[in-house]
């Protein structure tokens, strides 16, 4: 169902409209979780990996996919109408 931004209650972290839009590309490269995260940004792996991570589910998926813990990967060149990114801006 389409709705205006902020129509529904926020999640437990106080965030609105986080799930159900498009799968979100993440900065992470696809590597095993056993690999130690880097200090400072928590990323694992390097640019030498072949696949990037995307998370969160999309409007094509049922509620069981609409969770940030869902972790999938693909080549960064993948283009789909239900895959994108979340622009963000630091507000001081």
C-alpha atoms as a PDB file:
ATOM      1  CA  UNK A   1       0.000   0.000   0.000  1.00  0.00           C
ATOM      2  CA  UNK A   2       1.330   3.466  -0.864  1.00  0.00           C
ATOM      3  CA  UNK A   3       1.432   6.056   1.889  1.00  0.00           C
ATOM      4  CA  UNK A   4       3.020   9.418   2.603  1.00  0.00           C
ATOM      5  CA  UNK A   5       6.387   9.428   4.367  1.00  0.00           C
ATOM      6  CA  UNK A   6       5.951   9.235   8.151  1.00  0.00           C
ATOM      7  CA  UNK A   7       2.343   7.996   7.972  1.00  0.00           C
ATOM      8  CA  UNK A   8       2.966   4.977  10.152  1.00  0.00           C
ATOM      9  CA  UNK A   9       4.468   4.657  13.626  1.00  0.00           C
ATOM     10  CA  UNK A  10       8.281   4.418  13.883  1.00  0.00           C
ATOM     11  CA  UNK A  11      10.009   1.133  14.658  1.00  0.00           C
ATOM     12  CA  UNK A  12      11.627   0.370  18.028  1.00  0.00           C
ATOM     13  CA  UNK A  13      14.631   2.532  17.062  1.00  0.00           C
ATOM     14  CA  UNK A  14      12.466   5.552  16.243  1.00  0.00           C
ATOM     15  CA  UNK A  15      12.962   5.168  12.487  1.00  0.00           C
ATOM     16  CA  UNK A  16      10.150   5.661   9.981  1.00  0.00           C
ATOM     17  CA  UNK A  17       9.711   4.037   6.579  1.00  0.00           C
ATOM     18  CA  UNK A  18      12.736   1.754   6.809  1.00  0.00           C
ATOM     19  CA  UNK A  19      11.272  -1.469   5.377  1.00  0.00           C
ATOM     20  CA  UNK A  20       9.342  -2.421   2.294  1.00  0.00           C
ATOM     21  CA  UNK A  21      10.584   0.056  -0.288  1.00  0.00           C
ATOM     22  CA  UNK A  22      13.517  -1.450  -2.209  1.00  0.00           C
ATOM     23  CA  UNK A  23      16.349  -3.787  -1.356  1.00  0.00           C
ATOM     24  CA  UNK A  24      19.138  -1.518  -0.181  1.00  0.00           C
ATOM     25  CA  UNK A  25      22.703  -1.741  -1.465  1.00  0.00           C
ATOM     26  CA  UNK A  26      25.146  -1.609   1.439  1.00  0.00           C
ATOM     27  CA  UNK A  27      28.769  -0.571   1.592  1.00  0.00           C
ATOM     28  CA  UNK A  28      29.816  -4.104   2.608  1.00  0.00           C
ATOM     29  CA  UNK A  29      31.449  -6.532   0.191  1.00  0.00           C
ATOM     30  CA  UNK A  30      30.323 -10.133   0.449  1.00  0.00           C
ATOM     31  CA  UNK A  31      32.720 -11.976   2.752  1.00  0.00           C
ATOM     32  CA  UNK A  32      32.258 -14.524   5.535  1.00  0.00           C
ATOM     33  CA  UNK A  33      31.006 -13.260   8.888  1.00  0.00           C
ATOM     34  CA  UNK A  34      33.945 -15.070  10.516  1.00  0.00           C
ATOM     35  CA  UNK A  35      36.224 -12.362   9.178  1.00  0.00           C
ATOM     36  CA  UNK A  36      37.049  -9.697  11.758  1.00  0.00           C
ATOM     37  CA  UNK A  37      35.413  -6.302  11.159  1.00  0.00           C
ATOM     38  CA  UNK A  38      37.678  -3.314  10.660  1.00  0.00           C
ATOM     39  CA  UNK A  39      38.105  -0.933  13.560  1.00  0.00           C
ATOM     40  CA  UNK A  40      36.308   2.340  12.973  1.00  0.00           C
ATOM     41  CA  UNK A  41      33.699   1.448  10.365  1.00  0.00           C
ATOM     42  CA  UNK A  42      32.942  -2.231  11.086  1.00  0.00           C
ATOM     43  CA  UNK A  43      33.275  -3.297   7.459  1.00  0.00           C
ATOM     44  CA  UNK A  44      34.535  -6.755   6.583  1.00  0.00           C
ATOM     45  CA  UNK A  45      36.438  -7.498   3.440  1.00  0.00           C
ATOM     46  CA  UNK A  46      37.980  -5.419   0.740  1.00  0.00           C
ATOM     47  CA  UNK A  47      37.143  -4.128  -2.698  1.00  0.00           C
ATOM     48  CA  UNK A  48      38.694  -7.274  -4.128  1.00  0.00           C
ATOM     49  CA  UNK A  49      35.489  -9.219  -3.349  1.00  0.00           C
ATOM     50  CA  UNK A  50      33.222  -9.777  -6.351  1.00  0.00           C
ATOM     51  CA  UNK A  51      29.808  -9.195  -4.779  1.00  0.00           C
ATOM     52  CA  UNK A  52      28.196  -6.392  -2.767  1.00  0.00           C
ATOM     53  CA  UNK A  53      25.625  -6.911  -0.029  1.00  0.00           C
ATOM     54  CA  UNK A  54      22.031  -5.737  -0.193  1.00  0.00           C
ATOM     55  CA  UNK A  55      19.460  -5.951   2.605  1.00  0.00           C
ATOM     56  CA  UNK A  56      15.939  -5.180   3.709  1.00  0.00           C
ATOM     57  CA  UNK A  57      13.401  -6.662   1.298  1.00  0.00           C
ATOM     58  CA  UNK A  58      11.293  -4.726  -1.194  1.00  0.00           C
ATOM     59  CA  UNK A  59       7.736  -4.081  -2.242  1.00  0.00           C
ATOM     60  CA  UNK A  60       7.867  -7.348  -4.234  1.00  0.00           C
ATOM     61  CA  UNK A  61       8.490  -9.429  -1.103  1.00  0.00           C
ATOM     62  CA  UNK A  62       6.365 -10.568   1.793  1.00  0.00           C
ATOM     63  CA  UNK A  63       6.855  -9.321   5.341  1.00  0.00           C
ATOM     64  CA  UNK A  64       9.241 -12.192   6.142  1.00  0.00           C
ATOM     65  CA  UNK A  65      11.849 -10.529   3.867  1.00  0.00           C
ATOM     66  CA  UNK A  66      11.350  -6.992   5.246  1.00  0.00           C
ATOM     67  CA  UNK A  67      14.136  -7.128   7.810  1.00  0.00           C
ATOM     68  CA  UNK A  68      17.658  -5.745   7.823  1.00  0.00           C
ATOM     69  CA  UNK A  69      19.057  -9.116   8.929  1.00  0.00           C
ATOM     70  CA  UNK A  70      18.266 -10.545   5.489  1.00  0.00           C
ATOM     71  CA  UNK A  71      21.635 -10.467   3.708  1.00  0.00           C
ATOM     72  CA  UNK A  72      21.989 -11.182   0.008  1.00  0.00           C
ATOM     73  CA  UNK A  73      24.674 -10.374  -2.528  1.00  0.00           C
ATOM     74  CA  UNK A  74      25.201  -9.743  -6.212  1.00  0.00           C
ATOM     75  CA  UNK A  75      27.589  -8.119  -8.614  1.00  0.00           C
ATOM     76  CA  UNK A  76      27.457  -4.323  -8.233  1.00  0.00           C
ATOM     77  CA  UNK A  77      26.289  -4.049 -11.840  1.00  0.00           C
ATOM     78  CA  UNK A  78      22.907  -5.654 -11.019  1.00  0.00           C
ATOM     79  CA  UNK A  79      19.972  -3.385 -11.893  1.00  0.00           C
ATOM     80  CA  UNK A  80      16.391  -4.080 -10.777  1.00  0.00           C
ATOM     81  CA  UNK A  81      13.383  -1.856 -10.075  1.00  0.00           C
ATOM     82  CA  UNK A  82      13.246  -3.171  -6.511  1.00  0.00           C
ATOM     83  CA  UNK A  83      16.925  -2.567  -5.683  1.00  0.00           C
ATOM     84  CA  UNK A  84      18.414   0.789  -4.768  1.00  0.00           C
ATOM     85  CA  UNK A  85      20.037   2.767  -1.996  1.00  0.00           C
ATOM     86  CA  UNK A  86      19.038   5.002   0.869  1.00  0.00           C
ATOM     87  CA  UNK A  87      20.442   8.519   0.604  1.00  0.00           C
ATOM     88  CA  UNK A  88      21.463   9.865   3.977  1.00  0.00           C
ATOM     89  CA  UNK A  89      22.722  13.178   5.272  1.00  0.00           C
ATOM     90  CA  UNK A  90      24.459  13.936   8.535  1.00  0.00           C
ATOM     91  CA  UNK A  91      22.550  16.559  10.505  1.00  0.00           C
ATOM     92  CA  UNK A  92      24.553  18.340  13.170  1.00  0.00           C
END
